[in-house]
C-alpha atoms as a PDB file:
ATOM      1  CA  MET A   1      76.458 108.250  72.482  1.00  0.00           C
ATOM      2  CA  SER A   2      75.050 106.524  75.588  1.00  0.00           C
ATOM      3  CA  ARG A   3      75.434 103.098  73.911  1.00  0.00           C
ATOM      4  CA  ARG A   4      79.099 103.780  73.105  1.00  0.00           C
ATOM      5  CA  LYS A   5      79.670 105.041  76.633  1.00  0.00           C
ATOM      6  CA  SER A   6      78.182 101.809  77.940  1.00  0.00           C
ATOM      7  CA  LEU A   7      80.428  99.773  75.640  1.00  0.00           C
ATOM      8  CA  VAL A   8      83.467 101.755  76.767  1.00  0.00           C
ATOM      9  CA  ASN A   9      82.654 101.056  80.430  1.00  0.00           C
ATOM     10  CA  THR A  10      82.036  97.374  79.695  1.00  0.00           C
ATOM     11  CA  VAL A  11      85.378  96.963  77.939  1.00  0.00           C
ATOM     12  CA  ALA A  12      87.216  98.908  80.665  1.00  0.00           C
ATOM     13  CA  ASP A  13      85.571  96.867  83.434  1.00  0.00           C
ATOM     14  CA  ASP A  14      86.300  93.546  81.699  1.00  0.00           C
ATOM     15  CA  LEU A  15      89.924  94.486  81.129  1.00  0.00           C
ATOM     16  CA  LEU A  16      90.219  95.423  84.798  1.00  0.00           C
ATOM     17  CA  ASP A  17      88.621  92.100  85.767  1.00  0.00           C
ATOM     18  CA  GLY A  18      91.288  90.383  83.658  1.00  0.00           C
ATOM     19  CA  ILE A  19      94.011  92.296  85.488  1.00  0.00           C
ATOM     20  CA  ILE A  20      92.499  91.480  88.900  1.00  0.00           C
ATOM     21  CA  ALA A  21      92.224  87.797  87.917  1.00  0.00           C
ATOM     22  CA  GLY A  22      95.882  87.694  86.857  1.00  0.00           C
ATOM     23  CA  ARG A  23      95.281  87.358  83.130  1.00  0.00           C
ATOM     24  CA  PHE A  24      97.312  90.534  82.624  1.00  0.00           C
ATOM     25  CA  GLU A  25     100.115  91.131  85.125  1.00  0.00           C
ATOM     26  CA  PRO A  26     101.236  94.551  86.440  1.00  0.00           C
ATOM     27  CA  GLY A  27     104.167  95.632  84.293  1.00  0.00           C
ATOM     28  CA  GLY A  28     103.057  93.373  81.461  1.00  0.00           C
ATOM     29  CA  ALA A  29     101.615  94.278  78.078  1.00  0.00           C
ATOM     30  CA  LEU A  30      97.935  94.278  77.227  1.00  0.00           C
ATOM     31  CA  PRO A  31      96.731  92.866  73.893  1.00  0.00           C
ATOM     32  CA  THR A  32      96.791  95.239  70.935  1.00  0.00           C
ATOM     33  CA  GLU A  33      93.830  97.501  70.230  1.00  0.00           C
ATOM     34  CA  ALA A  34      92.899  95.267  67.298  1.00  0.00           C
ATOM     35  CA  GLU A  35      92.965  92.156  69.508  1.00  0.00           C
ATOM     36  CA  ILE A  36      90.877  93.798  72.224  1.00  0.00           C
ATOM     37  CA  GLY A  37      88.423  95.066  69.614  1.00  0.00           C
ATOM     38  CA  ALA A  38      88.064  91.587  68.153  1.00  0.00           C
ATOM     39  CA  GLU A  39      87.588  89.993  71.574  1.00  0.00           C
ATOM     40  CA  PHE A  40      84.800  92.379  72.559  1.00  0.00           C
ATOM     41  CA  ASP A  41      83.471  92.971  69.044  1.00  0.00           C
ATOM     42  CA  VAL A  42      83.850  96.746  69.337  1.00  0.00           C
ATOM     43  CA  SER A  43      85.555  99.441  67.300  1.00  0.00           C
ATOM     44  CA  ARG A  44      89.090 100.698  67.884  1.00  0.00           C
ATOM     45  CA  VAL A  45      87.594 104.026  68.965  1.00  0.00           C
ATOM     46  CA  THR A  46      85.743 102.241  71.775  1.00  0.00           C
ATOM     47  CA  VAL A  47      88.900 100.342  72.750  1.00  0.00           C
ATOM     48  CA  ARG A  48      90.942 103.554  72.876  1.00  0.00           C
ATOM     49  CA  GLU A  49      88.361 105.260  75.083  1.00  0.00           C
ATOM     50  CA  ALA A  50      88.285 102.239  77.393  1.00  0.00           C
ATOM     51  CA  LEU A  51      92.072 102.321  77.672  1.00  0.00           C
ATOM     52  CA  ARG A  52      91.961 106.066  78.356  1.00  0.00           C
ATOM     53  CA  THR A  53      89.466 105.381  81.146  1.00  0.00           C
ATOM     54  CA  LEU A  54      91.858 102.906  82.760  1.00  0.00           C
ATOM     55  CA  SER A  55      94.785 105.243  82.124  1.00  0.00           C
ATOM     56  CA  ALA A  56      92.997 108.073  83.963  1.00  0.00           C
ATOM     57  CA  ARG A  57      92.705 105.741  86.971  1.00  0.00           C
ATOM     58  CA  GLY A  58      96.438 104.986  86.791  1.00  0.00           C
ATOM     59  CA  ILE A  59      95.810 101.319  85.976  1.00  0.00           C
ATOM     60  CA  VAL A  60      97.109 101.338  82.422  1.00  0.00           C
ATOM     61  CA  ARG A  61      99.941 103.189  80.694  1.00  0.00           C
ATOM     62  CA  VAL A  62      99.170 103.991  77.066  1.00  0.00           C
ATOM     63  CA  VAL A  63     102.272 104.774  74.996  1.00  0.00           C
ATOM     64  CA  SER A  64     101.622 106.036  71.485  1.00  0.00           C
ATOM     65  CA  GLY A  65     103.148 103.740  68.878  1.00  0.00           C
ATOM     66  CA  VAL A  66     104.163 101.180  71.505  1.00  0.00           C
ATOM     67  CA  GLY A  67     100.952  99.891  73.059  1.00  0.00           C
ATOM     68  CA  SER A  68      99.456  99.604  76.522  1.00  0.00           C
ATOM     69  CA  ARG A  69     100.900  98.084  79.672  1.00  0.00           C
ATOM     70  CA  VAL A  70      99.455  97.432  83.095  1.00  0.00           C
ATOM     71  CA  ALA A  71     100.902  99.907  85.576  1.00  0.00           C
ATOM     72  CA  PRO A  72     102.364  98.774  88.919  1.00  0.00           C
ATOM     73  CA  VAL A  73      99.600  98.628  91.531  1.00  0.00           C
ATOM     74  CA  GLU A  74     101.391 101.299  93.564  1.00  0.00           C
ATOM     75  CA  GLU A  75     100.566 103.775  90.784  1.00  0.00           C
ATOM     76  CA  TRP A  76      96.837 103.037  90.677  1.00  0.00           C
ATOM     77  CA  ARG A  77      94.761 106.055  91.711  1.00  0.00           C
ATOM     78  CA  SER A  78      91.616 104.148  92.683  1.00  0.00           C
ATOM     79  CA  VAL A  79      91.750 102.816  96.235  1.00  0.00           C
ATOM     80  CA  SER A  80      88.948 100.306  95.623  1.00  0.00           C
ATOM     81  CA  ASP A  81      90.671  98.943  92.488  1.00  0.00           C
ATOM     82  CA  ALA A  82      93.972  98.507  94.317  1.00  0.00           C
ATOM     83  CA  LEU A  83      92.211  96.814  97.220  1.00  0.00           C
ATOM     84  CA  ARG A  84      90.459  94.408  94.859  1.00  0.00           C
ATOM     85  CA  PHE A  85      93.795  93.465  93.348  1.00  0.00           C
ATOM     86  CA  ARG A  86      95.521  93.000  96.700  1.00  0.00           C
ATOM     87  CA  ALA A  87      92.656  90.970  98.146  1.00  0.00           C
ATOM     88  CA  ALA A  88      92.497  88.756  95.043  1.00  0.00           C
ATOM     89  CA  HIS A  89      96.190  87.975  95.361  1.00  0.00           C
ATOM     90  CA  GLY A  90      96.201  86.750  98.923  1.00  0.00           C
ATOM     91  CA  ASP A  91      96.971  90.032 100.668  1.00  0.00           C
ATOM     92  CA  ASP A  92      93.585  90.552 102.348  1.00  0.00           C
ATOM     93  CA  THR A  93      94.904  90.499 105.914  1.00  0.00           C
ATOM     94  CA  LEU A  94      97.754  92.840 105.026  1.00  0.00           C
ATOM     95  CA  VAL A  95      95.319  95.189 103.274  1.00  0.00           C
ATOM     96  CA  ALA A  96      93.032  95.269 106.318  1.00  0.00           C
ATOM     97  CA  GLU A  97      95.944  96.096 108.610  1.00  0.00           C
ATOM     98  CA  GLN A  98      97.223  98.784 106.265  1.00  0.00           C
ATOM     99  CA  LEU A  99      93.759 100.343 106.184  1.00  0.00           C
ATOM    100  CA  ILE A 100      93.789 100.597 109.964  1.00  0.00           C
ATOM    101  CA  SER A 101      97.283 102.081 109.810  1.00  0.00           C
ATOM    102  CA  THR A 102      96.075 104.680 107.288  1.00  0.00           C
ATOM    103  CA  ARG A 103      93.122 105.552 109.474  1.00  0.00           C
ATOM    104  CA  ARG A 104      95.503 105.984 112.397  1.00  0.00           C
ATOM    105  CA  VAL A 105      97.574 108.563 110.524  1.00  0.00           C
ATOM    106  CA  ILE A 106      94.509 110.615 109.591  1.00  0.00           C
ATOM    107  CA  GLU A 107      91.973 110.105 112.369  1.00  0.00           C
ATOM    108  CA  CYS A 108      94.220 110.498 115.400  1.00  0.00           C
ATOM    109  CA  GLU A 109      95.256 113.941 114.193  1.00  0.00           C
ATOM    110  CA  ALA A 110      91.649 114.761 113.276  1.00  0.00           C
ATOM    111  CA  ALA A 111      90.595 113.994 116.848  1.00  0.00           C
ATOM    112  CA  ALA A 112      93.384 116.190 118.236  1.00  0.00           C
ATOM    113  CA  LEU A 113      92.377 119.060 115.959  1.00  0.00           C
ATOM    114  CA  ALA A 114      88.695 118.607 116.762  1.00  0.00           C
ATOM    115  CA  ALA A 115      89.089 118.623 120.556  1.00  0.00           C
ATOM    116  CA  PRO A 116      89.397 122.426 121.052  1.00  0.00           C
ATOM    117  CA  LEU A 117      87.031 123.212 118.154  1.00  0.00           C
ATOM    118  CA  ILE A 118      84.106 120.821 118.467  1.00  0.00           C
ATOM    119  CA  ASP A 119      80.882 122.445 119.637  1.00  0.00           C
ATOM    120  CA  ASP A 120      78.210 121.008 121.903  1.00  0.00           C
ATOM    121  CA  ALA A 121      75.943 120.124 118.978  1.00  0.00           C
ATOM    122  CA  ALA A 122      78.650 118.069 117.261  1.00  0.00           C
ATOM    123  CA  LEU A 123      79.573 116.413 120.549  1.00  0.00           C
ATOM    124  CA  GLY A 124      75.929 115.584 121.074  1.00  0.00           C
ATOM    125  CA  GLU A 125      75.767 114.038 117.603  1.00  0.00           C
ATOM    126  CA  CYS A 126      78.805 111.864 118.386  1.00  0.00           C
ATOM    127  CA  ALA A 127      77.188 110.728 121.626  1.00  0.00           C
ATOM    128  CA  ALA A 128      73.943 110.018 119.757  1.00  0.00           C
ATOM    129  CA  CYS A 129      75.891 107.847 117.305  1.00  0.00           C
ATOM    130  CA  VAL A 130      77.205 105.785 120.212  1.00  0.00           C
ATOM    131  CA  ASP A 131      73.646 105.389 121.533  1.00  0.00           C
ATOM    132  CA  GLU A 132      72.610 104.274 118.042  1.00  0.00           C
ATOM    133  CA  MET A 133      75.405 101.692 118.035  1.00  0.00           C
ATOM    134  CA  VAL A 134      74.151 100.352 121.375  1.00  0.00           C
ATOM    135  CA  ALA A 135      70.583 100.076 120.068  1.00  0.00           C
ATOM    136  CA  ALA A 136      71.732  98.466 116.814  1.00  0.00           C
ATOM    137  CA  ALA A 137      73.850  95.906 118.674  1.00  0.00           C
ATOM    138  CA  ALA A 138      70.885  94.990 120.878  1.00  0.00           C
ATOM    139  CA  ALA A 139      68.694  94.585 117.790  1.00  0.00           C
ATOM    140  CA  GLY A 140      71.319  92.609 115.873  1.00  0.00           C
ATOM    141  CA  ASP A 141      71.218  95.207 113.100  1.00  0.00           C
ATOM    142  CA  VAL A 142      74.756  95.251 111.663  1.00  0.00           C
ATOM    143  CA  ASP A 143      73.974  97.756 108.893  1.00  0.00           C
ATOM    144  CA  ARG A 144      72.582 100.236 111.414  1.00  0.00           C
ATOM    145  CA  PHE A 145      75.589  99.678 113.666  1.00  0.00           C
ATOM    146  CA  VAL A 146      78.029 100.341 110.814  1.00  0.00           C
ATOM    147  CA  ASP A 147      76.143 103.439 109.674  1.00  0.00           C
ATOM    148  CA  ALA A 148      76.302 104.946 113.162  1.00  0.00           C
ATOM    149  CA  ASP A 149      79.998 104.051 113.416  1.00  0.00           C
ATOM    150  CA  LEU A 150      80.785 105.771 110.113  1.00  0.00           C
ATOM    151  CA  ARG A 151      78.757 108.877 111.041  1.00  0.00           C
ATOM    152  CA  PHE A 152      80.634 109.089 114.337  1.00  0.00           C
ATOM    153  CA  HIS A 153      83.995 109.237 112.617  1.00  0.00           C
ATOM    154  CA  ALA A 154      82.731 111.564 109.881  1.00  0.00           C
ATOM    155  CA  GLY A 155      81.554 113.954 112.589  1.00  0.00           C
ATOM    156  CA  ILE A 156      85.028 114.128 114.105  1.00  0.00           C
ATOM    157  CA  LEU A 157      86.633 114.679 110.711  1.00  0.00           C
ATOM    158  CA  GLY A 158      84.166 117.494 110.076  1.00  0.00           C
ATOM    159  CA  ALA A 159      84.837 119.040 113.476  1.00  0.00           C
ATOM    160  CA  SER A 160      88.602 119.032 112.896  1.00  0.00           C
ATOM    161  CA  GLY A 161      88.336 122.188 110.797  1.00  0.00           C
ATOM    162  CA  ASN A 162      90.640 120.645 108.182  1.00  0.00           C
ATOM    163  CA  LEU A 163      88.662 119.648 105.114  1.00  0.00           C
ATOM    164  CA  PHE A 164      91.667 117.881 103.573  1.00  0.00           C
ATOM    165  CA  LEU A 165      91.598 115.151 106.239  1.00  0.00           C
ATOM    166  CA  GLY A 166      88.081 114.224 105.172  1.00  0.00           C
ATOM    167  CA  VAL A 167      89.071 114.401 101.510  1.00  0.00           C
ATOM    168  CA  LEU A 168      91.997 112.045 102.142  1.00  0.00           C
ATOM    169  CA  LEU A 169      89.804 109.495 103.874  1.00  0.00           C
ATOM    170  CA  ALA A 170      86.801 109.811 101.517  1.00  0.00           C
ATOM    171  CA  PRO A 171      88.063 107.281  98.914  1.00  0.00           C
ATOM    172  CA  LEU A 172      88.217 104.671 101.674  1.00  0.00           C
ATOM    173  CA  THR A 173      84.627 105.190 102.859  1.00  0.00           C
ATOM    174  CA  GLU A 174      83.070 102.427 100.750  1.00  0.00           C
ATOM    175  CA  VAL A 175      85.865 100.031 101.598  1.00  0.00           C
ATOM    176  CA  LEU A 176      85.657 100.868 105.299  1.00  0.00           C
ATOM    177  CA  ALA A 177      81.891 100.256 105.264  1.00  0.00           C
ATOM    178  CA  GLU A 178      82.447  96.799 103.778  1.00  0.00           C
ATOM    179  CA  ARG A 179      85.181  95.982 106.292  1.00  0.00           C
ATOM    180  CA  ARG A 180      83.120  97.174 109.241  1.00  0.00           C
ATOM    181  CA  ALA A 181      80.153  95.111 108.049  1.00  0.00           C
ATOM    182  CA  GLN A 182      82.463  92.096 108.197  1.00  0.00           C
ATOM    183  CA  THR A 183      84.000  92.785 111.607  1.00  0.00           C
ATOM    184  CA  SER A 184      80.894  94.224 113.268  1.00  0.00           C
ATOM    185  CA  ARG A 185      79.099  90.879 113.084  1.00  0.00           C
ATOM    186  CA  VAL A 186      81.235  89.739 116.016  1.00  0.00           C
ATOM    187  CA  PRO A 187      79.506  90.618 119.335  1.00  0.00           C
ATOM    188  CA  GLU A 188      82.809  91.105 121.162  1.00  0.00           C
ATOM    189  CA  ILE A 189      83.965  93.584 118.527  1.00  0.00           C
ATOM    190  CA  GLN A 190      80.693  95.517 118.857  1.00  0.00           C
ATOM    191  CA  GLU A 191      81.110  95.653 122.623  1.00  0.00           C
ATOM    192  CA  HIS A 192      84.678  96.900 122.374  1.00  0.00           C
ATOM    193  CA  ALA A 193      83.794  99.457 119.687  1.00  0.00           C
ATOM    194  CA  ILE A 194      81.005 100.947 121.820  1.00  0.00           C
ATOM    195  CA  ALA A 195      83.329 101.313 124.813  1.00  0.00           C
ATOM    196  CA  GLU A 196      86.083 102.844 122.677  1.00  0.00           C
ATOM    197  CA  HIS A 197      83.720 105.347 121.049  1.00  0.00           C
ATOM    198  CA  ARG A 198      82.450 106.416 124.451  1.00  0.00           C
ATOM    199  CA  GLY A 199      86.066 106.968 125.500  1.00  0.00           C
ATOM    200  CA  ILE A 200      86.627 109.207 122.475  1.00  0.00           C
ATOM    201  CA  VAL A 201      83.546 111.303 123.314  1.00  0.00           C
ATOM    202  CA  ASP A 202      84.759 111.685 126.903  1.00  0.00           C
ATOM    203  CA  ALA A 203      88.197 112.774 125.680  1.00  0.00           C
ATOM    204  CA  LEU A 204      86.706 115.299 123.274  1.00  0.00           C
ATOM    205  CA  ARG A 205      84.668 116.784 126.122  1.00  0.00           C
ATOM    206  CA  THR A 206      87.905 117.657 127.942  1.00  0.00           C
ATOM    207  CA  ARG A 207      88.937 119.818 124.917  1.00  0.00           C
ATOM    208  CA  ASP A 208      92.421 118.370 125.344  1.00  0.00           C
ATOM    209  CA  PRO A 209      94.044 117.522 121.966  1.00  0.00           C
ATOM    210  CA  ASP A 210      96.458 115.009 123.512  1.00  0.00           C
ATOM    211  CA  ALA A 211      93.650 113.164 125.307  1.00  0.00           C
ATOM    212  CA  ALA A 212      91.544 113.034 122.129  1.00  0.00           C
ATOM    213  CA  ARG A 213      94.479 111.817 120.046  1.00  0.00           C
ATOM    214  CA  ALA A 214      95.282 109.134 122.630  1.00  0.00           C
ATOM    215  CA  ALA A 215      91.655 107.971 122.797  1.00  0.00           C
ATOM    216  CA  MET A 216      91.434 107.629 119.024  1.00  0.00           C
ATOM    217  CA  ASP A 217      94.777 105.845 118.918  1.00  0.00           C
ATOM    218  CA  HIS A 218      93.618 103.436 121.618  1.00  0.00           C
ATOM    219  CA  HIS A 219      90.424 102.757 119.649  1.00  0.00           C
ATOM    220  CA  LEU A 220      92.304 101.972 116.444  1.00  0.00           C
ATOM    221  CA  GLN A 221      94.762  99.725 118.310  1.00  0.00           C
ATOM    222  CA  GLN A 222      91.760  97.895 119.765  1.00  0.00           C
ATOM    223  CA  THR A 223      90.338  97.631 116.244  1.00  0.00           C
ATOM    224  CA  LEU A 224      93.594  96.087 115.027  1.00  0.00           C
ATOM    225  CA  ASP A 225      93.774  93.703 117.982  1.00  0.00           C
ATOM    226  CA  ASP A 226      90.172  92.600 117.453  1.00  0.00           C
ATOM    227  CA  PHE A 227      90.722  92.078 113.747  1.00  0.00           C
ATOM    228  CA  ARG A 228      93.717  89.855 114.408  1.00  0.00           C
ATOM    229  CA  ARG A 229      91.929  87.901 117.148  1.00  0.00           C
ATOM    230  CA  TYR A 230      88.418  87.464 115.750  1.00  0.00           C
ATOM    231  CA  VAL A 231      88.701  87.869 111.974  1.00  0.00           C
ATOM    232  CA  ALA A 232      92.204  87.110 110.703  1.00  0.00           C
ATOM    233  CA  GLY A 233      92.432  84.112 112.986  1.00  0.00           C
END
């Protein structure tokens, strides 16, 4: 059973790689089950399970008696898969900007909700994350800097009292970590991020939702500006 599961994952991953590489276009047909089976030297049962795996992620549409087609990227349910496709097809800058836009929708409201609810312990943890970012920047430790950055934002999401905001942002966590590792290598971006995070902590301390929302919005605008200036070129 474990061997077949491994084969299923291998076939599904290789088919996805083919889609990402442009071998199979969104909206276009995939090879028949027999052709896929022959290419990977696996049974039709394995091929069907691999296609079901991709179908569950919204990447492939399987129509009984007709065959399988690649779904439009807008229908894909996996954020990381969609990002891989967009980045591979020359949309990396657009993807990065859309990620910041998505964060803005979720995190600005999370900060506003958190302001009247956040307790002293959670505020202290946010402040400690900023101190950790300062120490990491001084040590040139990008991974440590990114980890503290992510924990800072997770703390605000948790303090918002709305678990769905965290659930909405969770699929982006891995992608955001990768993006921050890229941008946080720039000293100017680190400096700006530290200042912006301190501003958010100060706004949260006022317990004013509007001030917290504005501070988070200012931070994400700074993030966008820095990306365009130092990374996108």
